[in-house]
Amino acid sequence: MSATAKVSGALKSVDYEVFGRVQGNGGLRGLPGQGRRAEAAAAAPRYTEQEAKKLGVVGWVKNTSQGTVTGQVQGPEERVNEMKSWLSKVGSPSSRIDKTNFSNEKEISKLDFSDFNTRY
């Protein structure tokens, strides 16, 4: 990743929080014994992780108890911007994105992560 990052220019880091129906079933988290609900709640992080890996960015994603999806993305500026666009406009297939907040956007000298993963 670092060789690609150096070729692509500046490294960027940004925190995000996605609002709307982003955890499946109206934003409700799946509870043990709820089968499809739990499966739907896991969909947003799974698709986010898949898209991040496809774009070659690193960081993390997780569902929050408030029904949002939050995380951090790092990588070459162009790739991070592509991920920001995906988080704002596309998301997982069953999601409805109302808004996405980005914060702590900054240039960084090195990546803090070696991969993109889901936190629980």
PDB file of N, CA and C in Angstrom:
ATOM      1  N   MET A   1       0.814  -1.191   0.000  1.00  0.00           N
ATOM      2  CA  MET A   1       0.000   0.000   0.000  1.00  0.00           C
ATOM      3  C   MET A   1       0.858   1.255   0.000  1.00  0.00           C
ATOM      4  N   SER A   2       1.918   1.296   0.766  1.00  0.00           N
ATOM      5  CA  SER A   2       2.716   2.511   0.862  1.00  0.00           C
ATOM      6  C   SER A   2       3.375   2.869  -0.471  1.00  0.00           C
ATOM      7  N   ALA A   3       3.787   1.895  -1.257  1.00  0.00           N
ATOM      8  CA  ALA A   3       4.374   2.170  -2.563  1.00  0.00           C
ATOM      9  C   ALA A   3       3.340   2.812  -3.481  1.00  0.00           C
ATOM     10  N   THR A   4       2.122   2.284  -3.469  1.00  0.00           N
ATOM     11  CA  THR A   4       1.032   2.860  -4.257  1.00  0.00           C
ATOM     12  C   THR A   4       0.732   4.264  -3.774  1.00  0.00           C
ATOM     13  N   ALA A   5       0.699   4.447  -2.465  1.00  0.00           N
ATOM     14  CA  ALA A   5       0.378   5.745  -1.893  1.00  0.00           C
ATOM     15  C   ALA A   5       1.407   6.795  -2.310  1.00  0.00           C
ATOM     16  N   LYS A   6       2.680   6.430  -2.304  1.00  0.00           N
ATOM     17  CA  LYS A   6       3.729   7.376  -2.673  1.00  0.00           C
ATOM     18  C   LYS A   6       3.603   7.799  -4.133  1.00  0.00           C
ATOM     19  N   VAL A   7       3.273   6.851  -4.993  1.00  0.00           N
ATOM     20  CA  VAL A   7       3.113   7.148  -6.410  1.00  0.00           C
ATOM     21  C   VAL A   7       1.921   8.073  -6.629  1.00  0.00           C
ATOM     22  N   SER A   8       0.843   7.858  -5.870  1.00  0.00           N
ATOM     23  CA  SER A   8      -0.394   8.605  -6.064  1.00  0.00           C
ATOM     24  C   SER A   8      -0.370   9.990  -5.428  1.00  0.00           C
ATOM     25  N   GLY A   9       0.661  10.348  -4.676  1.00  0.00           N
ATOM     26  CA  GLY A   9       0.732  11.665  -4.057  1.00  0.00           C
ATOM     27  C   GLY A   9       0.368  11.627  -2.584  1.00  0.00           C
ATOM     28  N   ALA A  10      -0.284  12.685  -2.144  1.00  0.00           N
ATOM     29  CA  ALA A  10      -0.582  12.886  -0.733  1.00  0.00           C
ATOM     30  C   ALA A  10      -1.484  11.800  -0.154  1.00  0.00           C
ATOM     31  N   LEU A  11      -1.193  11.438   1.085  1.00  0.00           N
ATOM     32  CA  LEU A  11      -2.057  10.538   1.843  1.00  0.00           C
ATOM     33  C   LEU A  11      -3.052  11.374   2.623  1.00  0.00           C
ATOM     34  N   LYS A  12      -4.256  10.846   2.741  1.00  0.00           N
ATOM     35  CA  LYS A  12      -5.326  11.574   3.396  1.00  0.00           C
ATOM     36  C   LYS A  12      -6.014  10.660   4.401  1.00  0.00           C
ATOM     37  N   SER A  13      -6.526  11.245   5.473  1.00  0.00           N
ATOM     38  CA  SER A  13      -7.296  10.518   6.475  1.00  0.00           C
ATOM     39  C   SER A  13      -8.578  11.293   6.737  1.00  0.00           C
ATOM     40  N   VAL A  14      -9.686  10.578   6.885  1.00  0.00           N
ATOM     41  CA  VAL A  14     -10.958  11.236   7.199  1.00  0.00           C
ATOM     42  C   VAL A  14     -11.831  10.297   8.023  1.00  0.00           C
ATOM     43  N   ASP A  15     -12.518  10.860   9.015  1.00  0.00           N
ATOM     44  CA  ASP A  15     -13.507  10.130   9.799  1.00  0.00           C
ATOM     45  C   ASP A  15     -14.870  10.361   9.154  1.00  0.00           C
ATOM     46  N   TYR A  16     -15.782   9.416   9.291  1.00  0.00           N
ATOM     47  CA  TYR A  16     -17.104   9.569   8.699  1.00  0.00           C
ATOM     48  C   TYR A  16     -18.186   8.978   9.585  1.00  0.00           C
ATOM     49  N   GLU A  17     -19.409   9.479   9.389  1.00  0.00           N
ATOM     50  CA  GLU A  17     -20.601   8.905  10.008  1.00  0.00           C
ATOM     51  C   GLU A  17     -21.725   9.026   9.000  1.00  0.00           C
ATOM     52  N   VAL A  18     -22.375   7.898   8.712  1.00  0.00           N
ATOM     53  CA  VAL A  18     -23.437   7.847   7.713  1.00  0.00           C
ATOM     54  C   VAL A  18     -24.776   7.718   8.434  1.00  0.00           C
ATOM     55  N   PHE A  19     -25.721   8.603   8.060  1.00  0.00           N
ATOM     56  CA  PHE A  19     -27.052   8.641   8.669  1.00  0.00           C
ATOM     57  C   PHE A  19     -28.099   8.209   7.659  1.00  0.00           C
ATOM     58  N   GLY A  20     -29.191   7.639   8.132  1.00  0.00           N
ATOM     59  CA  GLY A  20     -30.289   7.192   7.281  1.00  0.00           C
ATOM     60  C   GLY A  20     -30.653   5.771   7.656  1.00  0.00           C
ATOM     61  N   ARG A  21     -31.179   5.030   6.689  1.00  0.00           N
ATOM     62  CA  ARG A  21     -31.445   3.617   6.937  1.00  0.00           C
ATOM     63  C   ARG A  21     -30.208   2.887   6.441  1.00  0.00           C
ATOM     64  N   VAL A  22     -29.210   2.835   7.290  1.00  0.00           N
ATOM     65  CA  VAL A  22     -27.906   2.323   6.876  1.00  0.00           C
ATOM     66  C   VAL A  22     -27.512   1.027   7.571  1.00  0.00           C
ATOM     67  N   GLN A  23     -28.344   0.564   8.489  1.00  0.00           N
ATOM     68  CA  GLN A  23     -28.054  -0.706   9.154  1.00  0.00           C
ATOM     69  C   GLN A  23     -29.101  -1.757   8.812  1.00  0.00           C
ATOM     70  N   GLY A  24     -29.954  -1.488   7.858  1.00  0.00           N
ATOM     71  CA  GLY A  24     -31.016  -2.427   7.497  1.00  0.00           C
ATOM     72  C   GLY A  24     -32.203  -2.279   8.424  1.00  0.00           C
ATOM     73  N   ASN A  25     -33.405  -2.610   7.940  1.00  0.00           N
ATOM     74  CA  ASN A  25     -34.641  -2.532   8.735  1.00  0.00           C
ATOM     75  C   ASN A  25     -34.800  -1.213   9.476  1.00  0.00           C
ATOM     76  N   GLY A  26     -34.722  -0.109   8.760  1.00  0.00           N
ATOM     77  CA  GLY A  26     -34.971   1.189   9.359  1.00  0.00           C
ATOM     78  C   GLY A  26     -33.921   1.617  10.353  1.00  0.00           C
ATOM     79  N   GLY A  27     -32.731   1.079  10.256  1.00  0.00           N
ATOM     80  CA  GLY A  27     -31.656   1.505  11.144  1.00  0.00           C
ATOM     81  C   GLY A  27     -31.596   0.729  12.444  1.00  0.00           C
ATOM     82  N   LEU A  28     -32.469  -0.262  12.621  1.00  0.00           N
ATOM     83  CA  LEU A  28     -32.441  -1.027  13.857  1.00  0.00           C
ATOM     84  C   LEU A  28     -31.324  -2.047  13.819  1.00  0.00           C
ATOM     85  N   ARG A  29     -30.624  -2.171  14.905  1.00  0.00           N
ATOM     86  CA  ARG A  29     -29.556  -3.184  14.969  1.00  0.00           C
ATOM     87  C   ARG A  29     -30.171  -4.540  15.197  1.00  0.00           C
ATOM     88  N   GLY A  30     -29.560  -5.534  14.623  1.00  0.00           N
ATOM     89  CA  GLY A  30     -30.010  -6.901  14.840  1.00  0.00           C
ATOM     90  C   GLY A  30     -29.692  -7.358  16.257  1.00  0.00           C
ATOM     91  N   LEU A  31     -30.631  -8.034  16.856  1.00  0.00           N
ATOM     92  CA  LEU A  31     -30.424  -8.577  18.191  1.00  0.00           C
ATOM     93  C   LEU A  31     -30.336 -10.098  18.087  1.00  0.00           C
ATOM     94  N   PRO A  32     -29.668 -10.734  19.039  1.00  0.00           N
ATOM     95  CA  PRO A  32     -29.567 -12.194  18.987  1.00  0.00           C
ATOM     96  C   PRO A  32     -30.954 -12.820  18.831  1.00  0.00           C
ATOM     97  N   GLY A  33     -31.040 -13.805  17.954  1.00  0.00           N
ATOM     98  CA  GLY A  33     -32.311 -14.487  17.741  1.00  0.00           C
ATOM     99  C   GLY A  33     -33.198 -13.815  16.709  1.00  0.00           C
ATOM    100  N   GLN A  34     -32.733 -12.734  16.086  1.00  0.00           N
ATOM    101  CA  GLN A  34     -33.576 -12.039  15.125  1.00  0.00           C
ATOM    102  C   GLN A  34     -33.186 -12.309  13.680  1.00  0.00           C
ATOM    103  N   GLY A  35     -32.325 -13.269  13.448  1.00  0.00           N
ATOM    104  CA  GLY A  35     -32.010 -13.745  12.108  1.00  0.00           C
ATOM    105  C   GLY A  35     -31.785 -12.683  11.058  1.00  0.00           C
ATOM    106  N   ARG A  36     -32.801 -12.423  10.239  1.00  0.00           N
ATOM    107  CA  ARG A  36     -32.680 -11.496   9.112  1.00  0.00           C
ATOM    108  C   ARG A  36     -32.293 -10.095   9.571  1.00  0.00           C
ATOM    109  N   ARG A  37     -32.810  -9.668  10.694  1.00  0.00           N
ATOM    110  CA  ARG A  37     -32.464  -8.340  11.202  1.00  0.00           C
ATOM    111  C   ARG A  37     -30.971  -8.249  11.481  1.00  0.00           C
ATOM    112  N   ALA A  38     -30.446  -9.263  12.140  1.00  0.00           N
ATOM    113  CA  ALA A  38     -29.015  -9.278  12.450  1.00  0.00           C
ATOM    114  C   ALA A  38     -28.202  -9.315  11.161  1.00  0.00           C
ATOM    115  N   GLU A  39     -28.701 -10.075  10.189  1.00  0.00           N
ATOM    116  CA  GLU A  39     -28.027 -10.168   8.898  1.00  0.00           C
ATOM    117  C   GLU A  39     -28.019  -8.804   8.211  1.00  0.00           C
ATOM    118  N   ALA A  40     -29.165  -8.106   8.247  1.00  0.00           N
ATOM    119  CA  ALA A  40     -29.266  -6.789   7.617  1.00  0.00           C
ATOM    120  C   ALA A  40     -28.359  -5.782   8.317  1.00  0.00           C
ATOM    121  N   ALA A  41     -28.283  -5.859   9.634  1.00  0.00           N
ATOM    122  CA  ALA A  41     -27.435  -4.928  10.377  1.00  0.00           C
ATOM    123  C   ALA A  41     -25.967  -5.112  10.018  1.00  0.00           C
ATOM    124  N   ALA A  42     -25.605  -6.326   9.665  1.00  0.00           N
ATOM    125  CA  ALA A  42     -24.211  -6.599   9.314  1.00  0.00           C
ATOM    126  C   ALA A  42     -23.891  -6.199   7.878  1.00  0.00           C
ATOM    127  N   ALA A  43     -24.910  -5.922   7.065  1.00  0.00           N
ATOM    128  CA  ALA A  43     -24.706  -5.654   5.641  1.00  0.00           C
ATOM    129  C   ALA A  43     -23.895  -4.387   5.384  1.00  0.00           C
ATOM    130  N   ALA A  44     -24.217  -3.294   6.041  1.00  0.00           N
ATOM    131  CA  ALA A  44     -23.531  -2.025   5.762  1.00  0.00           C
ATOM    132  C   ALA A  44     -22.024  -2.127   5.989  1.00  0.00           C
ATOM    133  N   PRO A  45     -21.569  -2.608   7.140  1.00  0.00           N
ATOM    134  CA  PRO A  45     -20.120  -2.746   7.305  1.00  0.00           C
ATOM    135  C   PRO A  45     -19.488  -3.693   6.292  1.00  0.00           C
ATOM    136  N   ARG A  46     -20.185  -4.776   5.980  1.00  0.00           N
ATOM    137  CA  ARG A  46     -19.642  -5.751   5.034  1.00  0.00           C
ATOM    138  C   ARG A  46     -19.445  -5.104   3.654  1.00  0.00           C
ATOM    139  N   TYR A  47     -20.455  -4.376   3.174  1.00  0.00           N
ATOM    140  CA  TYR A  47     -20.332  -3.723   1.869  1.00  0.00           C
ATOM    141  C   TYR A  47     -19.320  -2.587   1.905  1.00  0.00           C
ATOM    142  N   THR A  48     -19.250  -1.867   3.016  1.00  0.00           N
ATOM    143  CA  THR A  48     -18.274  -0.784   3.151  1.00  0.00           C
ATOM    144  C   THR A  48     -16.856  -1.347   3.103  1.00  0.00           C
ATOM    145  N   GLU A  49     -16.635  -2.428   3.829  1.00  0.00           N
ATOM    146  CA  GLU A  49     -15.317  -3.077   3.831  1.00  0.00           C
ATOM    147  C   GLU A  49     -14.959  -3.571   2.422  1.00  0.00           C
ATOM    148  N   GLN A  50     -15.924  -4.149   1.745  1.00  0.00           N
ATOM    149  CA  GLN A  50     -15.710  -4.657   0.381  1.00  0.00           C
ATOM    150  C   GLN A  50     -15.330  -3.511  -0.570  1.00  0.00           C
ATOM    151  N   GLU A  51     -16.039  -2.396  -0.492  1.00  0.00           N
ATOM    152  CA  GLU A  51     -15.753  -1.251  -1.368  1.00  0.00           C
ATOM    153  C   GLU A  51     -14.383  -0.658  -1.046  1.00  0.00           C
ATOM    154  N   ALA A  52     -14.064  -0.544   0.236  1.00  0.00           N
ATOM    155  CA  ALA A  52     -12.765   0.002   0.647  1.00  0.00           C
ATOM    156  C   ALA A  52     -11.621  -0.844   0.116  1.00  0.00           C
ATOM    157  N   LYS A  53     -11.765  -2.150   0.218  1.00  0.00           N
ATOM    158  CA  LYS A  53     -10.715  -3.046  -0.271  1.00  0.00           C
ATOM    159  C   LYS A  53     -10.596  -2.956  -1.790  1.00  0.00           C
ATOM    160  N   LYS A  54     -11.724  -2.808  -2.472  1.00  0.00           N
ATOM    161  CA  LYS A  54     -11.709  -2.659  -3.928  1.00  0.00           C
ATOM    162  C   LYS A  54     -10.959  -1.382  -4.326  1.00  0.00           C
ATOM    163  N   LEU A  55     -11.163  -0.310  -3.568  1.00  0.00           N
ATOM    164  CA  LEU A  55     -10.511   0.968  -3.865  1.00  0.00           C
ATOM    165  C   LEU A  55      -9.067   1.033  -3.366  1.00  0.00           C
ATOM    166  N   GLY A  56      -8.703   0.127  -2.460  1.00  0.00           N
ATOM    167  CA  GLY A  56      -7.339   0.109  -1.942  1.00  0.00           C
ATOM    168  C   GLY A  56      -7.085   1.103  -0.825  1.00  0.00           C
ATOM    169  N   VAL A  57      -8.139   1.416  -0.046  1.00  0.00           N
ATOM    170  CA  VAL A  57      -7.960   2.284   1.117  1.00  0.00           C
ATOM    171  C   VAL A  57      -7.960   1.425   2.377  1.00  0.00           C
ATOM    172  N   VAL A  58      -7.486   1.983   3.469  1.00  0.00           N
ATOM    173  CA  VAL A  58      -7.419   1.270   4.745  1.00  0.00           C
ATOM    174  C   VAL A  58      -8.238   2.025   5.787  1.00  0.00           C
ATOM    175  N   GLY A  59      -8.525   1.345   6.907  1.00  0.00           N
ATOM    176  CA  GLY A  59      -9.276   1.972   7.990  1.00  0.00           C
ATOM    177  C   GLY A  59     -10.221   0.980   8.624  1.00  0.00           C
ATOM    178  N   TRP A  60     -11.393   1.492   9.033  1.00  0.00           N
ATOM    179  CA  TRP A  60     -12.352   0.635   9.734  1.00  0.00           C
ATOM    180  C   TRP A  60     -13.771   1.174   9.589  1.00  0.00           C
ATOM    181  N   VAL A  61     -14.743   0.320   9.922  1.00  0.00           N
ATOM    182  CA  VAL A  61     -16.163   0.655   9.892  1.00  0.00           C
ATOM    183  C   VAL A  61     -16.859  -0.079  11.028  1.00  0.00           C
ATOM    184  N   LYS A  62     -17.916   0.516  11.581  1.00  0.00           N
ATOM    185  CA  LYS A  62     -18.736  -0.199  12.565  1.00  0.00           C
ATOM    186  C   LYS A  62     -20.120   0.424  12.660  1.00  0.00           C
ATOM    187  N   ASN A  63     -21.091  -0.397  13.044  1.00  0.00           N
ATOM    188  CA  ASN A  63     -22.430   0.087  13.355  1.00  0.00           C
ATOM    189  C   ASN A  63     -22.385   0.735  14.731  1.00  0.00           C
ATOM    190  N   THR A  64     -23.181   1.795  14.920  1.00  0.00           N
ATOM    191  CA  THR A  64     -23.269   2.421  16.235  1.00  0.00           C
ATOM    192  C   THR A  64     -24.615   2.086  16.870  1.00  0.00           C
ATOM    193  N   SER A  65     -24.720   2.299  18.158  1.00  0.00           N
ATOM    194  CA  SER A  65     -25.986   2.051  18.857  1.00  0.00           C
ATOM    195  C   SER A  65     -27.035   3.096  18.489  1.00  0.00           C
ATOM    196  N   GLN A  66     -26.636   4.190  17.827  1.00  0.00           N
ATOM    197  CA  GLN A  66     -27.576   5.224  17.388  1.00  0.00           C
ATOM    198  C   GLN A  66     -28.157   4.926  16.005  1.00  0.00           C
ATOM    199  N   GLY A  67     -27.790   3.802  15.410  1.00  0.00           N
ATOM    200  CA  GLY A  67     -28.326   3.435  14.104  1.00  0.00           C
ATOM    201  C   GLY A  67     -27.544   4.005  12.936  1.00  0.00           C
ATOM    202  N   THR A  68     -26.365   4.555  13.189  1.00  0.00           N
ATOM    203  CA  THR A  68     -25.522   5.081  12.120  1.00  0.00           C
ATOM    204  C   THR A  68     -24.376   4.100  11.855  1.00  0.00           C
ATOM    205  N   VAL A  69     -23.621   4.400  10.827  1.00  0.00           N
ATOM    206  CA  VAL A  69     -22.411   3.649  10.528  1.00  0.00           C
ATOM    207  C   VAL A  69     -21.267   4.654  10.588  1.00  0.00           C
ATOM    208  N   THR A  70     -20.209   4.322  11.311  1.00  0.00           N
ATOM    209  CA  THR A  70     -19.100   5.247  11.503  1.00  0.00           C
ATOM    210  C   THR A  70     -17.779   4.555  11.192  1.00  0.00           C
ATOM    211  N   GLY A  71     -16.739   5.355  10.973  1.00  0.00           N
ATOM    212  CA  GLY A  71     -15.435   4.768  10.715  1.00  0.00           C
ATOM    213  C   GLY A  71     -14.402   5.786  10.297  1.00  0.00           C
ATOM    214  N   GLN A  72     -13.308   5.278   9.778  1.00  0.00           N
ATOM    215  CA  GLN A  72     -12.194   6.106   9.322  1.00  0.00           C
ATOM    216  C   GLN A  72     -11.618   5.489   8.050  1.00  0.00           C
ATOM    217  N   VAL A  73     -11.260   6.353   7.112  1.00  0.00           N
ATOM    218  CA  VAL A  73     -10.659   5.925   5.847  1.00  0.00           C
ATOM    219  C   VAL A  73      -9.332   6.642   5.673  1.00  0.00           C
ATOM    220  N   GLN A  74      -8.307   5.900   5.225  1.00  0.00           N
ATOM    221  CA  GLN A  74      -7.000   6.479   4.932  1.00  0.00           C
ATOM    222  C   GLN A  74      -6.479   5.906   3.621  1.00  0.00           C
ATOM    223  N   GLY A  75      -5.722   6.728   2.910  1.00  0.00           N
ATOM    224  CA  GLY A  75      -5.107   6.268   1.677  1.00  0.00           C
ATOM    225  C   GLY A  75      -4.754   7.435   0.790  1.00  0.00           C
ATOM    226  N   PRO A  76      -4.403   7.150  -0.466  1.00  0.00           N
ATOM    227  CA  PRO A  76      -4.117   8.220  -1.419  1.00  0.00           C
ATOM    228  C   PRO A  76      -5.345   9.123  -1.559  1.00  0.00           C
ATOM    229  N   GLU A  77      -5.114  10.415  -1.656  1.00  0.00           N
ATOM    230  CA  GLU A  77      -6.203  11.388  -1.664  1.00  0.00           C
ATOM    231  C   GLU A  77      -7.304  11.049  -2.667  1.00  0.00           C
ATOM    232  N   GLU A  78      -6.922  10.683  -3.885  1.00  0.00           N
ATOM    233  CA  GLU A  78      -7.915  10.377  -4.923  1.00  0.00           C
ATOM    234  C   GLU A  78      -8.799   9.198  -4.516  1.00  0.00           C
ATOM    235  N   ARG A  79      -8.201   8.170  -3.926  1.00  0.00           N
ATOM    236  CA  ARG A  79      -8.959   6.980  -3.502  1.00  0.00           C
ATOM    237  C   ARG A  79      -9.870   7.288  -2.318  1.00  0.00           C
ATOM    238  N   VAL A  80      -9.371   8.098  -1.382  1.00  0.00           N
ATOM    239  CA  VAL A  80     -10.193   8.490  -0.232  1.00  0.00           C
ATOM    240  C   VAL A  80     -11.401   9.293  -0.722  1.00  0.00           C
ATOM    241  N   ASN A  81     -11.184  10.169  -1.698  1.00  0.00           N
ATOM    242  CA  ASN A  81     -12.294  10.948  -2.247  1.00  0.00           C
ATOM    243  C   ASN A  81     -13.322  10.051  -2.931  1.00  0.00           C
ATOM    244  N   GLU A  82     -12.857   8.996  -3.607  1.00  0.00           N
ATOM    245  CA  GLU A  82     -13.782   8.029  -4.221  1.00  0.00           C
ATOM    246  C   GLU A  82     -14.599   7.322  -3.142  1.00  0.00           C
ATOM    247  N   MET A  83     -13.946   6.970  -2.037  1.00  0.00           N
ATOM    248  CA  MET A  83     -14.659   6.301  -0.944  1.00  0.00           C
ATOM    249  C   MET A  83     -15.661   7.253  -0.303  1.00  0.00           C
ATOM    250  N   LYS A  84     -15.289   8.510  -0.159  1.00  0.00           N
ATOM    251  CA  LYS A  84     -16.219   9.505   0.395  1.00  0.00           C
ATOM    252  C   LYS A  84     -17.473   9.611  -0.476  1.00  0.00           C
ATOM    253  N   SER A  85     -17.283   9.610  -1.765  1.00  0.00           N
ATOM    254  CA  SER A  85     -18.408   9.674  -2.691  1.00  0.00           C
ATOM    255  C   SER A  85     -19.306   8.447  -2.533  1.00  0.00           C
ATOM    256  N   TRP A  86     -18.701   7.258  -2.434  1.00  0.00           N
ATOM    257  CA  TRP A  86     -19.460   6.024  -2.254  1.00  0.00           C
ATOM    258  C   TRP A  86     -20.243   6.064  -0.945  1.00  0.00           C
ATOM    259  N   LEU A  87     -19.607   6.533   0.134  1.00  0.00           N
ATOM    260  CA  LEU A  87     -20.267   6.613   1.441  1.00  0.00           C
ATOM    261  C   LEU A  87     -21.432   7.602   1.426  1.00  0.00           C
ATOM    262  N   SER A  88     -21.341   8.643   0.595  1.00  0.00           N
ATOM    263  CA  SER A  88     -22.364   9.677   0.536  1.00  0.00           C
ATOM    264  C   SER A  88     -23.523   9.343  -0.395  1.00  0.00           C
ATOM    265  N   LYS A  89     -23.230   8.597  -1.470  1.00  0.00           N
ATOM    266  CA  LYS A  89     -24.223   8.429  -2.534  1.00  0.00           C
ATOM    267  C   LYS A  89     -24.664   7.003  -2.806  1.00  0.00           C
ATOM    268  N   VAL A  90     -23.840   6.011  -2.474  1.00  0.00           N
ATOM    269  CA  VAL A  90     -24.141   4.637  -2.875  1.00  0.00           C
ATOM    270  C   VAL A  90     -24.478   3.767  -1.658  1.00  0.00           C
ATOM    271  N   GLY A  91     -23.488   3.450  -0.850  1.00  0.00           N
ATOM    272  CA  GLY A  91     -23.706   2.607   0.327  1.00  0.00           C
ATOM    273  C   GLY A  91     -24.067   1.175  -0.031  1.00  0.00           C
ATOM    274  N   SER A  92     -24.562   0.445   0.961  1.00  0.00           N
ATOM    275  CA  SER A  92     -24.950  -0.947   0.727  1.00  0.00           C
ATOM    276  C   SER A  92     -26.269  -0.982  -0.048  1.00  0.00           C
ATOM    277  N   PRO A  93     -26.553  -2.092  -0.721  1.00  0.00           N
ATOM    278  CA  PRO A  93     -27.738  -2.169  -1.583  1.00  0.00           C
ATOM    279  C   PRO A  93     -29.060  -1.808  -0.894  1.00  0.00           C
ATOM    280  N   SER A  94     -29.237  -2.173   0.359  1.00  0.00           N
ATOM    281  CA  SER A  94     -30.509  -1.908   1.035  1.00  0.00           C
ATOM    282  C   SER A  94     -30.515  -0.595   1.821  1.00  0.00           C
ATOM    283  N   SER A  95     -29.454   0.200   1.702  1.00  0.00           N
ATOM    284  CA  SER A  95     -29.382   1.423   2.499  1.00  0.00           C
ATOM    285  C   SER A  95     -30.106   2.597   1.839  1.00  0.00           C
ATOM    286  N   ARG A  96     -30.491   3.556   2.683  1.00  0.00           N
ATOM    287  CA  ARG A  96     -30.991   4.844   2.224  1.00  0.00           C
ATOM    288  C   ARG A  96     -30.168   5.879   2.988  1.00  0.00           C
ATOM    289  N   ILE A  97     -29.299   6.567   2.288  1.00  0.00           N
ATOM    290  CA  ILE A  97     -28.402   7.514   2.929  1.00  0.00           C
ATOM    291  C   ILE A  97     -29.064   8.888   2.974  1.00  0.00           C
ATOM    292  N   ASP A  98     -29.271   9.398   4.186  1.00  0.00           N
ATOM    293  CA  ASP A  98     -29.837  10.746   4.345  1.00  0.00           C
ATOM    294  C   ASP A  98     -28.734  11.789   4.309  1.00  0.00           C
ATOM    295  N   LYS A  99     -27.645  11.516   5.009  1.00  0.00           N
ATOM    296  CA  LYS A  99     -26.489  12.424   4.991  1.00  0.00           C
ATOM    297  C   LYS A  99     -25.269  11.679   5.496  1.00  0.00           C
ATOM    298  N   THR A 100     -24.114  12.192   5.128  1.00  0.00           N
ATOM    299  CA  THR A 100     -22.843  11.656   5.616  1.00  0.00           C
ATOM    300  C   THR A 100     -22.020  12.819   6.125  1.00  0.00           C
ATOM    301  N   ASN A 101     -21.569  12.727   7.360  1.00  0.00           N
ATOM    302  CA  ASN A 101     -20.697  13.748   7.947  1.00  0.00           C
ATOM    303  C   ASN A 101     -19.251  13.274   7.867  1.00  0.00           C
ATOM    304  N   PHE A 102     -18.396  14.164   7.403  1.00  0.00           N
ATOM    305  CA  PHE A 102     -16.967  13.891   7.379  1.00  0.00           C
ATOM    306  C   PHE A 102     -16.291  14.856   8.337  1.00  0.00           C
ATOM    307  N   SER A 103     -15.325  14.368   9.101  1.00  0.00           N
ATOM    308  CA  SER A 103     -14.624  15.214  10.060  1.00  0.00           C
ATOM    309  C   SER A 103     -13.159  14.799  10.146  1.00  0.00           C
ATOM    310  N   ASN A 104     -12.359  15.642  10.786  1.00  0.00           N
ATOM    311  CA  ASN A 104     -10.931  15.372  10.986  1.00  0.00           C
ATOM    312  C   ASN A 104     -10.222  15.033   9.674  1.00  0.00           C
ATOM    313  N   GLU A 105     -10.631  15.671   8.595  1.00  0.00           N
ATOM    314  CA  GLU A 105      -9.989  15.413   7.306  1.00  0.00           C
ATOM    315  C   GLU A 105      -8.633  16.091   7.295  1.00  0.00           C
ATOM    316  N   LYS A 106      -7.587  15.307   7.009  1.00  0.00           N
ATOM    317  CA  LYS A 106      -6.237  15.874   7.059  1.00  0.00           C
ATOM    318  C   LYS A 106      -5.286  15.071   6.194  1.00  0.00           C
ATOM    319  N   GLU A 107      -4.192  15.707   5.833  1.00  0.00           N
ATOM    320  CA  GLU A 107      -3.110  15.026   5.140  1.00  0.00           C
ATOM    321  C   GLU A 107      -2.273  14.329   6.205  1.00  0.00           C
ATOM    322  N   ILE A 108      -1.823  13.114   5.893  1.00  0.00           N
ATOM    323  CA  ILE A 108      -1.011  12.347   6.842  1.00  0.00           C
ATOM    324  C   ILE A 108       0.279  11.904   6.156  1.00  0.00           C
ATOM    325  N   SER A 109       1.305  11.625   6.951  1.00  0.00           N
ATOM    326  CA  SER A 109       2.593  11.225   6.379  1.00  0.00           C
ATOM    327  C   SER A 109       2.702   9.713   6.201  1.00  0.00           C
ATOM    328  N   LYS A 110       1.901   8.954   6.998  1.00  0.00           N
ATOM    329  CA  LYS A 110       1.902   7.491   6.866  1.00  0.00           C
ATOM    330  C   LYS A 110       0.547   6.952   7.296  1.00  0.00           C
ATOM    331  N   LEU A 111       0.243   5.747   6.815  1.00  0.00           N
ATOM    332  CA  LEU A 111      -1.022   5.105   7.149  1.00  0.00           C
ATOM    333  C   LEU A 111      -0.974   4.523   8.557  1.00  0.00           C
ATOM    334  N   ASP A 112      -2.081   4.630   9.285  1.00  0.00           N
ATOM    335  CA  ASP A 112      -2.181   4.070  10.630  1.00  0.00           C
ATOM    336  C   ASP A 112      -2.677   2.628  10.628  1.00  0.00           C
ATOM    337  N   PHE A 113      -3.163   2.158   9.470  1.00  0.00           N
ATOM    338  CA  PHE A 113      -3.732   0.818   9.354  1.00  0.00           C
ATOM    339  C   PHE A 113      -3.087   0.095   8.178  1.00  0.00           C
ATOM    340  N   SER A 114      -3.115  -1.226   8.217  1.00  0.00           N
ATOM    341  CA  SER A 114      -2.559  -2.006   7.104  1.00  0.00           C
ATOM    342  C   SER A 114      -3.665  -2.618   6.243  1.00  0.00           C
ATOM    343  N   ASP A 115      -4.916  -2.520   6.703  1.00  0.00           N
ATOM    344  CA  ASP A 115      -6.042  -3.138   6.014  1.00  0.00           C
ATOM    345  C   ASP A 115      -7.302  -2.358   6.369  1.00  0.00           C
ATOM    346  N   PHE A 116      -8.435  -2.755   5.799  1.00  0.00           N
ATOM    347  CA  PHE A 116      -9.718  -2.167   6.158  1.00  0.00           C
ATOM    348  C   PHE A 116     -10.530  -3.277   6.798  1.00  0.00           C
ATOM    349  N   ASN A 117     -11.074  -3.029   7.998  1.00  0.00           N
ATOM    350  CA  ASN A 117     -11.837  -4.073   8.659  1.00  0.00           C
ATOM    351  C   ASN A 117     -13.043  -3.536   9.415  1.00  0.00           C
ATOM    352  N   THR A 118     -13.897  -4.469   9.822  1.00  0.00           N
ATOM    353  CA  THR A 118     -15.104  -4.136  10.575  1.00  0.00           C
ATOM    354  C   THR A 118     -14.804  -4.275  12.055  1.00  0.00           C
ATOM    355  N   ARG A 119     -15.222  -3.263  12.790  1.00  0.00           N
ATOM    356  CA  ARG A 119     -15.084  -3.312  14.258  1.00  0.00           C
ATOM    357  C   ARG A 119     -16.439  -3.629  14.865  1.00  0.00           C
ATOM    358  N   TYR A 120     -16.402  -4.319  16.003  1.00  0.00           N
ATOM    359  CA  TYR A 120     -17.646  -4.706  16.687  1.00  0.00           C
ATOM    360  C   TYR A 120     -17.685  -4.160  18.088  1.00  0.00           C
TER     361      TYR A 120
END
